Amino acid sequence: HPVLKRTRPHNGVDFAAPIGTPVRAVGDGIVRI
């Protein structure tokens, strides 16, 4: 982890993009958080 400076799981995928790039839901669903 580049901030915590220790090894731990990376439970996802990071997409590099400029601030403000729209993020979309990948499917129909109910917002929990």
Full PDB file with SEQRES, HELIX, SHEET, SSBOND, CRYST1, ORIGX, SCALE, CONECT and MASTER records, all heavy atoms in Angstrom:
SEQRES   1 A   33  HIS PRO VAL LEU LYS ARG THR ARG PRO HIS ASN GLY VAL          
SEQRES   2 A   33  ASP PHE ALA ALA PRO ILE GLY THR PRO VAL ARG ALA VAL          
SEQRES   3 A   33  GLY ASP GLY ILE VAL ARG ILE                                  
CRYST1    1.000    1.000    1.000  90.00  90.00  90.00 P 1           1          
ORIGX1      1.000000  0.000000  0.000000        0.00000                         
ORIGX2      0.000000  1.000000  0.000000        0.00000                         
ORIGX3      0.000000  0.000000  1.000000        0.00000                         
SCALE1      1.000000  0.000000  0.000000        0.00000                         
SCALE2      0.000000  1.000000  0.000000        0.00000                         
SCALE3      0.000000  0.000000  1.000000        0.00000                         
ATOM      1  N   HIS A   1       0.847  -1.194   0.000  1.00  0.00           N  
ATOM      2  CA  HIS A   1       0.000   0.000   0.000  1.00  0.00           C  
ATOM      3  C   HIS A   1       0.883   1.245   0.000  1.00  0.00           C  
ATOM      4  O   HIS A   1       1.739   1.416   0.880  1.00  0.00           O  
ATOM      5  CB  HIS A   1      -0.917   0.002   1.226  1.00  0.00           C  
ATOM      6  CG  HIS A   1      -2.048   0.975   1.101  1.00  0.00           C  
ATOM      7  ND1 HIS A   1      -1.884   2.328   1.306  1.00  0.00           N  
ATOM      8  CD2 HIS A   1      -3.364   0.789   0.781  1.00  0.00           C  
ATOM      9  CE1 HIS A   1      -3.046   2.938   1.132  1.00  0.00           C  
ATOM     10  NE2 HIS A   1      -3.962   2.026   0.818  1.00  0.00           N  
ATOM     11  N   PRO A   2       0.712   2.155  -0.987  1.00  0.00           N  
ATOM     12  CA  PRO A   2       1.605   3.307  -1.116  1.00  0.00           C  
ATOM     13  C   PRO A   2       1.460   4.332   0.005  1.00  0.00           C  
ATOM     14  O   PRO A   2       2.376   5.125   0.216  1.00  0.00           O  
ATOM     15  CB  PRO A   2       1.208   3.910  -2.471  1.00  0.00           C  
ATOM     16  CG  PRO A   2      -0.197   3.444  -2.686  1.00  0.00           C  
ATOM     17  CD  PRO A   2      -0.293   2.099  -2.049  1.00  0.00           C  
ATOM     18  N   VAL A   3       0.323   4.336   0.703  1.00  0.00           N  
ATOM     19  CA  VAL A   3       0.124   5.301   1.789  1.00  0.00           C  
ATOM     20  C   VAL A   3       0.496   4.684   3.131  1.00  0.00           C  
ATOM     21  O   VAL A   3       1.231   5.270   3.934  1.00  0.00           O  
ATOM     22  CB  VAL A   3      -1.334   5.803   1.813  1.00  0.00           C  
ATOM     23  CG1 VAL A   3      -1.542   6.743   3.004  1.00  0.00           C  
ATOM     24  CG2 VAL A   3      -1.671   6.517   0.508  1.00  0.00           C  
ATOM     25  N   LEU A   4      -0.009   3.455   3.399  1.00  0.00           N  
ATOM     26  CA  LEU A   4       0.254   2.795   4.680  1.00  0.00           C  
ATOM     27  C   LEU A   4       1.650   2.192   4.749  1.00  0.00           C  
ATOM     28  O   LEU A   4       2.130   1.834   5.835  1.00  0.00           O  
ATOM     29  CB  LEU A   4      -0.791   1.694   4.920  1.00  0.00           C  
ATOM     30  CG  LEU A   4      -2.252   2.183   4.992  1.00  0.00           C  
ATOM     31  CD1 LEU A   4      -3.178   0.999   5.168  1.00  0.00           C  
ATOM     32  CD2 LEU A   4      -2.420   3.179   6.140  1.00  0.00           C  
ATOM     33  N   LYS A   5       2.309   2.029   3.588  1.00  0.00           N  
ATOM     34  CA  LYS A   5       3.679   1.502   3.525  1.00  0.00           C  
ATOM     35  C   LYS A   5       3.777   0.076   4.083  1.00  0.00           C  
ATOM     36  O   LYS A   5       4.739  -0.279   4.767  1.00  0.00           O  
ATOM     37  CB  LYS A   5       4.668   2.425   4.266  1.00  0.00           C  
ATOM     38  CG  LYS A   5       4.666   3.866   3.793  1.00  0.00           C  
ATOM     39  CD  LYS A   5       5.039   3.999   2.330  1.00  0.00           C  
ATOM     40  CE  LYS A   5       5.086   5.455   1.885  1.00  0.00           C  
ATOM     41  NZ  LYS A   5       5.373   5.584   0.442  1.00  0.00           N  
ATOM     42  N   ARG A   6       2.765  -0.715   3.801  1.00  0.00           N  
ATOM     43  CA  ARG A   6       2.818  -2.116   4.201  1.00  0.00           C  
ATOM     44  C   ARG A   6       2.014  -2.955   3.208  1.00  0.00           C  
ATOM     45  O   ARG A   6       1.180  -2.428   2.471  1.00  0.00           O  
ATOM     46  CB  ARG A   6       2.288  -2.316   5.631  1.00  0.00           C  
ATOM     47  CG  ARG A   6       0.857  -1.867   5.866  1.00  0.00           C  
ATOM     48  CD  ARG A   6       0.521  -1.970   7.346  1.00  0.00           C  
ATOM     49  NE  ARG A   6      -0.795  -1.441   7.647  1.00  0.00           N  
ATOM     50  CZ  ARG A   6      -1.924  -2.135   7.606  1.00  0.00           C  
ATOM     51  NH1 ARG A   6      -1.889  -3.414   7.234  1.00  0.00           N  
ATOM     52  NH2 ARG A   6      -3.076  -1.578   7.926  1.00  0.00           N  
ATOM     53  N   THR A   7       2.300  -4.262   3.220  1.00  0.00           N  
ATOM     54  CA  THR A   7       1.638  -5.154   2.280  1.00  0.00           C  
ATOM     55  C   THR A   7       0.293  -5.622   2.849  1.00  0.00           C  
ATOM     56  O   THR A   7       0.216  -6.028   4.015  1.00  0.00           O  
ATOM     57  CB  THR A   7       2.521  -6.381   1.994  1.00  0.00           C  
ATOM     58  OG1 THR A   7       3.760  -5.934   1.436  1.00  0.00           O  
ATOM     59  CG2 THR A   7       1.831  -7.318   1.008  1.00  0.00           C  
ATOM     60  N   ARG A   8      -0.723  -5.528   2.008  1.00  0.00           N  
ATOM     61  CA  ARG A   8      -2.048  -5.994   2.406  1.00  0.00           C  
ATOM     62  C   ARG A   8      -2.852  -6.267   1.147  1.00  0.00           C  
ATOM     63  O   ARG A   8      -2.465  -5.836   0.048  1.00  0.00           O  
ATOM     64  CB  ARG A   8      -2.743  -4.992   3.312  1.00  0.00           C  
ATOM     65  CG  ARG A   8      -3.170  -3.705   2.632  1.00  0.00           C  
ATOM     66  CD  ARG A   8      -3.924  -2.836   3.606  1.00  0.00           C  
ATOM     67  NE  ARG A   8      -4.795  -1.896   2.933  1.00  0.00           N  
ATOM     68  CZ  ARG A   8      -5.700  -1.151   3.555  1.00  0.00           C  
ATOM     69  NH1 ARG A   8      -5.833  -1.234   4.867  1.00  0.00           N  
ATOM     70  NH2 ARG A   8      -6.461  -0.329   2.883  1.00  0.00           N  
ATOM     71  N   PRO A   9      -3.993  -6.969   1.248  1.00  0.00           N  
ATOM     72  CA  PRO A   9      -4.784  -7.278   0.045  1.00  0.00           C  
ATOM     73  C   PRO A   9      -5.312  -6.014  -0.630  1.00  0.00           C  
ATOM     74  O   PRO A   9      -5.619  -5.018   0.036  1.00  0.00           O  
ATOM     75  CB  PRO A   9      -5.926  -8.128   0.597  1.00  0.00           C  
ATOM     76  CG  PRO A   9      -5.432  -8.676   1.878  1.00  0.00           C  
ATOM     77  CD  PRO A   9      -4.540  -7.614   2.451  1.00  0.00           C  
ATOM     78  N   HIS A  10      -5.388  -6.069  -1.932  1.00  0.00           N  
ATOM     79  CA  HIS A  10      -6.021  -4.999  -2.714  1.00  0.00           C  
ATOM     80  C   HIS A  10      -7.303  -5.585  -3.311  1.00  0.00           C  
ATOM     81  O   HIS A  10      -7.287  -6.242  -4.348  1.00  0.00           O  
ATOM     82  CB  HIS A  10      -5.080  -4.501  -3.818  1.00  0.00           C  
ATOM     83  CG  HIS A  10      -5.611  -3.307  -4.547  1.00  0.00           C  
ATOM     84  ND1 HIS A  10      -5.915  -3.328  -5.894  1.00  0.00           N  
ATOM     85  CD2 HIS A  10      -5.903  -2.056  -4.107  1.00  0.00           C  
ATOM     86  CE1 HIS A  10      -6.355  -2.124  -6.253  1.00  0.00           C  
ATOM     87  NE2 HIS A  10      -6.364  -1.342  -5.185  1.00  0.00           N  
ATOM     88  N   ASN A  11      -8.395  -5.365  -2.583  1.00  0.00           N  
ATOM     89  CA  ASN A  11      -9.653  -6.038  -2.912  1.00  0.00           C  
ATOM     90  C   ASN A  11     -10.456  -5.287  -3.971  1.00  0.00           C  
ATOM     91  O   ASN A  11     -11.615  -4.906  -3.741  1.00  0.00           O  
ATOM     92  CB  ASN A  11     -10.488  -6.216  -1.639  1.00  0.00           C  
ATOM     93  CG  ASN A  11      -9.800  -7.093  -0.617  1.00  0.00           C  
ATOM     94  OD1 ASN A  11      -9.244  -8.128  -0.970  1.00  0.00           O  
ATOM     95  ND2 ASN A  11      -9.807  -6.669   0.639  1.00  0.00           N  
ATOM     96  N   GLY A  12      -9.852  -5.061  -5.090  1.00  0.00           N  
ATOM     97  CA  GLY A  12     -10.548  -4.377  -6.163  1.00  0.00           C  
ATOM     98  C   GLY A  12      -9.605  -3.996  -7.279  1.00  0.00           C  
ATOM     99  O   GLY A  12      -8.449  -4.430  -7.329  1.00  0.00           O  
ATOM    100  N   VAL A  13     -10.106  -3.152  -8.167  1.00  0.00           N  
ATOM    101  CA  VAL A  13      -9.320  -2.681  -9.303  1.00  0.00           C  
ATOM    102  C   VAL A  13      -9.331  -1.152  -9.284  1.00  0.00           C  
ATOM    103  O   VAL A  13     -10.371  -0.535  -9.050  1.00  0.00           O  
ATOM    104  CB  VAL A  13      -9.916  -3.194 -10.635  1.00  0.00           C  
ATOM    105  CG1 VAL A  13      -9.189  -2.579 -11.823  1.00  0.00           C  
ATOM    106  CG2 VAL A  13      -9.851  -4.708 -10.696  1.00  0.00           C  
ATOM    107  N   ASP A  14      -8.171  -0.555  -9.500  1.00  0.00           N  
ATOM    108  CA  ASP A  14      -8.063   0.904  -9.558  1.00  0.00           C  
ATOM    109  C   ASP A  14      -8.066   1.369 -11.011  1.00  0.00           C  
ATOM    110  O   ASP A  14      -7.311   0.849 -11.842  1.00  0.00           O  
ATOM    111  CB  ASP A  14      -6.779   1.379  -8.880  1.00  0.00           C  
ATOM    112  CG  ASP A  14      -6.822   1.197  -7.372  1.00  0.00           C  
ATOM    113  OD1 ASP A  14      -7.924   0.943  -6.848  1.00  0.00           O  
ATOM    114  OD2 ASP A  14      -5.764   1.311  -6.731  1.00  0.00           O  
ATOM    115  N   PHE A  15      -8.903   2.368 -11.277  1.00  0.00           N  
ATOM    116  CA  PHE A  15      -8.970   2.978 -12.605  1.00  0.00           C  
ATOM    117  C   PHE A  15      -8.444   4.402 -12.498  1.00  0.00           C  
ATOM    118  O   PHE A  15      -9.022   5.230 -11.785  1.00  0.00           O  
ATOM    119  CB  PHE A  15     -10.410   2.994 -13.126  1.00  0.00           C  
ATOM    120  CG  PHE A  15     -10.985   1.633 -13.396  1.00  0.00           C  
ATOM    121  CD1 PHE A  15     -11.618   0.920 -12.394  1.00  0.00           C  
ATOM    122  CD2 PHE A  15     -10.896   1.069 -14.658  1.00  0.00           C  
ATOM    123  CE1 PHE A  15     -12.166  -0.329 -12.635  1.00  0.00           C  
ATOM    124  CE2 PHE A  15     -11.436  -0.179 -14.916  1.00  0.00           C  
ATOM    125  CZ  PHE A  15     -12.064  -0.881 -13.899  1.00  0.00           C  
ATOM    126  N   ALA A  16      -7.349   4.691 -13.186  1.00  0.00           N  
ATOM    127  CA  ALA A  16      -6.784   6.049 -13.175  1.00  0.00           C  
ATOM    128  C   ALA A  16      -7.602   6.942 -14.099  1.00  0.00           C  
ATOM    129  O   ALA A  16      -7.873   6.581 -15.242  1.00  0.00           O  
ATOM    130  CB  ALA A  16      -5.330   6.021 -13.617  1.00  0.00           C  
ATOM    131  N   ALA A  17      -7.995   8.095 -13.581  1.00  0.00           N  
ATOM    132  CA  ALA A  17      -8.789   9.041 -14.368  1.00  0.00           C  
ATOM    133  C   ALA A  17      -8.730  10.410 -13.702  1.00  0.00           C  
ATOM    134  O   ALA A  17      -8.491  10.504 -12.494  1.00  0.00           O  
ATOM    135  CB  ALA A  17     -10.237   8.571 -14.483  1.00  0.00           C  
ATOM    136  N   PRO A  18      -8.938  11.485 -14.447  1.00  0.00           N  
ATOM    137  CA  PRO A  18      -8.897  12.834 -13.866  1.00  0.00           C  
ATOM    138  C   PRO A  18     -10.025  13.045 -12.861  1.00  0.00           C  
ATOM    139  O   PRO A  18     -11.085  12.415 -12.943  1.00  0.00           O  
ATOM    140  CB  PRO A  18      -9.070  13.753 -15.092  1.00  0.00           C  
ATOM    141  CG  PRO A  18      -8.733  12.916 -16.267  1.00  0.00           C  
ATOM    142  CD  PRO A  18      -9.119  11.520 -15.914  1.00  0.00           C  
ATOM    143  N   ILE A  19      -9.789  13.942 -11.917  1.00  0.00           N  
ATOM    144  CA  ILE A  19     -10.837  14.308 -10.961  1.00  0.00           C  
ATOM    145  C   ILE A  19     -12.049  14.841 -11.723  1.00  0.00           C  
ATOM    146  O   ILE A  19     -11.926  15.650 -12.638  1.00  0.00           O  
ATOM    147  CB  ILE A  19     -10.325  15.369  -9.973  1.00  0.00           C  
ATOM    148  CG1 ILE A  19      -9.293  14.750  -9.033  1.00  0.00           C  
ATOM    149  CG2 ILE A  19     -11.473  15.974  -9.166  1.00  0.00           C  
ATOM    150  CD1 ILE A  19      -8.702  15.725  -8.039  1.00  0.00           C  
ATOM    151  N   GLY A  20     -13.231  14.385 -11.323  1.00  0.00           N  
ATOM    152  CA  GLY A  20     -14.470  14.829 -11.957  1.00  0.00           C  
ATOM    153  C   GLY A  20     -15.000  13.888 -13.015  1.00  0.00           C  
ATOM    154  O   GLY A  20     -16.116  14.071 -13.501  1.00  0.00           O  
ATOM    155  N   THR A  21     -14.210  12.863 -13.411  1.00  0.00           N  
ATOM    156  CA  THR A  21     -14.676  11.896 -14.403  1.00  0.00           C  
ATOM    157  C   THR A  21     -15.911  11.170 -13.865  1.00  0.00           C  
ATOM    158  O   THR A  21     -15.892  10.661 -12.750  1.00  0.00           O  
ATOM    159  CB  THR A  21     -13.577  10.872 -14.733  1.00  0.00           C  
ATOM    160  OG1 THR A  21     -12.421  11.556 -15.212  1.00  0.00           O  
ATOM    161  CG2 THR A  21     -14.058   9.876 -15.774  1.00  0.00           C  
ATOM    162  N   PRO A  22     -17.003  11.104 -14.627  1.00  0.00           N  
ATOM    163  CA  PRO A  22     -18.221  10.463 -14.128  1.00  0.00           C  
ATOM    164  C   PRO A  22     -18.013   8.975 -13.817  1.00  0.00           C  
ATOM    165  O   PRO A  22     -17.352   8.259 -14.570  1.00  0.00           O  
ATOM    166  CB  PRO A  22     -19.220  10.642 -15.280  1.00  0.00           C  
ATOM    167  CG  PRO A  22     -18.702  11.802 -16.060  1.00  0.00           C  
ATOM    168  CD  PRO A  22     -17.206  11.712 -15.950  1.00  0.00           C  
ATOM    169  N   VAL A  23     -18.585   8.537 -12.709  1.00  0.00           N  
ATOM    170  CA  VAL A  23     -18.570   7.134 -12.303  1.00  0.00           C  
ATOM    171  C   VAL A  23     -20.002   6.609 -12.408  1.00  0.00           C  
ATOM    172  O   VAL A  23     -20.933   7.257 -11.964  1.00  0.00           O  
ATOM    173  CB  VAL A  23     -18.058   6.985 -10.853  1.00  0.00           C  
ATOM    174  CG1 VAL A  23     -18.142   5.528 -10.398  1.00  0.00           C  
ATOM    175  CG2 VAL A  23     -16.639   7.520 -10.730  1.00  0.00           C  
ATOM    176  N   ARG A  24     -20.175   5.430 -12.980  1.00  0.00           N  
ATOM    177  CA  ARG A  24     -21.511   4.892 -13.221  1.00  0.00           C  
ATOM    178  C   ARG A  24     -21.709   3.550 -12.516  1.00  0.00           C  
ATOM    179  O   ARG A  24     -20.762   2.783 -12.307  1.00  0.00           O  
ATOM    180  CB  ARG A  24     -21.732   4.721 -14.721  1.00  0.00           C  
ATOM    181  CG  ARG A  24     -20.669   3.889 -15.393  1.00  0.00           C  
ATOM    182  CD  ARG A  24     -20.759   3.899 -16.894  1.00  0.00           C  
ATOM    183  NE  ARG A  24     -19.763   3.026 -17.487  1.00  0.00           N  
ATOM    184  CZ  ARG A  24     -19.755   2.668 -18.760  1.00  0.00           C  
ATOM    185  NH1 ARG A  24     -20.693   3.099 -19.578  1.00  0.00           N  
ATOM    186  NH2 ARG A  24     -18.822   1.880 -19.228  1.00  0.00           N  
ATOM    187  N   ALA A  25     -22.939   3.296 -12.143  1.00  0.00           N  
ATOM    188  CA  ALA A  25     -23.291   2.006 -11.560  1.00  0.00           C  
ATOM    189  C   ALA A  25     -23.205   0.942 -12.643  1.00  0.00           C  
ATOM    190  O   ALA A  25     -23.681   1.149 -13.764  1.00  0.00           O  
ATOM    191  CB  ALA A  25     -24.700   2.060 -10.985  1.00  0.00           C  
ATOM    192  N   VAL A  26     -22.620  -0.211 -12.320  1.00  0.00           N  
ATOM    193  CA  VAL A  26     -22.454  -1.243 -13.337  1.00  0.00           C  
ATOM    194  C   VAL A  26     -23.721  -2.061 -13.543  1.00  0.00           C  
ATOM    195  O   VAL A  26     -23.813  -2.839 -14.498  1.00  0.00           O  
ATOM    196  CB  VAL A  26     -21.283  -2.190 -12.987  1.00  0.00           C  
ATOM    197  CG1 VAL A  26     -19.970  -1.430 -12.957  1.00  0.00           C  
ATOM    198  CG2 VAL A  26     -21.538  -2.917 -11.676  1.00  0.00           C  
ATOM    199  N   GLY A  27     -24.696  -1.894 -12.655  1.00  0.00           N  
ATOM    200  CA  GLY A  27     -25.946  -2.633 -12.812  1.00  0.00           C  
ATOM    201  C   GLY A  27     -27.053  -2.020 -11.975  1.00  0.00           C  
ATOM    202  O   GLY A  27     -26.805  -1.145 -11.126  1.00  0.00           O  
ATOM    203  N   ASP A  28     -28.292  -2.460 -12.206  1.00  0.00           N  
ATOM    204  CA  ASP A  28     -29.412  -1.995 -11.401  1.00  0.00           C  
ATOM    205  C   ASP A  28     -29.233  -2.446  -9.956  1.00  0.00           C  
ATOM    206  O   ASP A  28     -28.705  -3.540  -9.688  1.00  0.00           O  
ATOM    207  CB  ASP A  28     -30.727  -2.567 -11.931  1.00  0.00           C  
ATOM    208  CG  ASP A  28     -31.044  -2.086 -13.344  1.00  0.00           C  
ATOM    209  OD1 ASP A  28     -30.307  -1.210 -13.841  1.00  0.00           O  
ATOM    210  OD2 ASP A  28     -32.006  -2.586 -13.945  1.00  0.00           O  
ATOM    211  N   GLY A  29     -29.676  -1.645  -9.011  1.00  0.00           N  
ATOM    212  CA  GLY A  29     -29.557  -2.060  -7.619  1.00  0.00           C  
ATOM    213  C   GLY A  29     -30.057  -1.027  -6.642  1.00  0.00           C  
ATOM    214  O   GLY A  29     -30.623   0.008  -7.014  1.00  0.00           O  
ATOM    215  N   ILE A  30     -29.847  -1.319  -5.339  1.00  0.00           N  
ATOM    216  CA  ILE A  30     -30.253  -0.450  -4.248  1.00  0.00           C  
ATOM    217  C   ILE A  30     -29.009   0.083  -3.549  1.00  0.00           C  
ATOM    218  O   ILE A  30     -28.085  -0.682  -3.219  1.00  0.00           O  
ATOM    219  CB  ILE A  30     -31.127  -1.213  -3.218  1.00  0.00           C  
ATOM    220  CG1 ILE A  30     -32.340  -1.842  -3.903  1.00  0.00           C  
ATOM    221  CG2 ILE A  30     -31.564  -0.279  -2.097  1.00  0.00           C  
ATOM    222  CD1 ILE A  30     -33.312  -0.844  -4.478  1.00  0.00           C  
ATOM    223  N   VAL A  31     -28.972   1.410  -3.328  1.00  0.00           N  
ATOM    224  CA  VAL A  31     -27.836   2.031  -2.653  1.00  0.00           C  
ATOM    225  C   VAL A  31     -27.861   1.658  -1.173  1.00  0.00           C  
ATOM    226  O   VAL A  31     -28.875   1.833  -0.493  1.00  0.00           O  
ATOM    227  CB  VAL A  31     -27.871   3.565  -2.817  1.00  0.00           C  
ATOM    228  CG1 VAL A  31     -26.713   4.212  -2.052  1.00  0.00           C  
ATOM    229  CG2 VAL A  31     -27.812   3.949  -4.292  1.00  0.00           C  
ATOM    230  N   ARG A  32     -26.735   1.135  -0.663  1.00  0.00           N  
ATOM    231  CA  ARG A  32     -26.614   0.788   0.753  1.00  0.00           C  
ATOM    232  C   ARG A  32     -25.789   1.811   1.516  1.00  0.00           C  
ATOM    233  O   ARG A  32     -26.082   2.116   2.672  1.00  0.00           O  
ATOM    234  CB  ARG A  32     -25.979  -0.606   0.902  1.00  0.00           C  
ATOM    235  CG  ARG A  32     -26.785  -1.723   0.269  1.00  0.00           C  
ATOM    236  CD  ARG A  32     -28.207  -1.760   0.796  1.00  0.00           C  
ATOM    237  NE  ARG A  32     -29.003  -2.836   0.196  1.00  0.00           N  
ATOM    238  CZ  ARG A  32     -30.330  -2.916   0.289  1.00  0.00           C  
ATOM    239  NH1 ARG A  32     -30.998  -1.975   0.958  1.00  0.00           N  
ATOM    240  NH2 ARG A  32     -30.968  -3.912  -0.284  1.00  0.00           N  
ATOM    241  N   ILE A  33     -24.729   2.316   0.892  1.00  0.00           N  
ATOM    242  CA  ILE A  33     -23.866   3.326   1.520  1.00  0.00           C  
ATOM    243  C   ILE A  33     -23.641   4.452   0.510  1.00  0.00           C  
ATOM    244  O   ILE A  33     -23.380   4.195  -0.665  1.00  0.00           O  
ATOM    245  CB  ILE A  33     -22.514   2.726   1.947  1.00  0.00           C  
ATOM    246  CG1 ILE A  33     -22.708   1.599   2.974  1.00  0.00           C  
ATOM    247  CG2 ILE A  33     -21.600   3.814   2.520  1.00  0.00           C  
ATOM    248  CD1 ILE A  33     -21.412   0.874   3.321  1.00  0.00           C  
TER     249      ILE A  33                                                      
MASTER        0    0    0    0    0    0    0    6  248    1    0    3          
END                                                                             
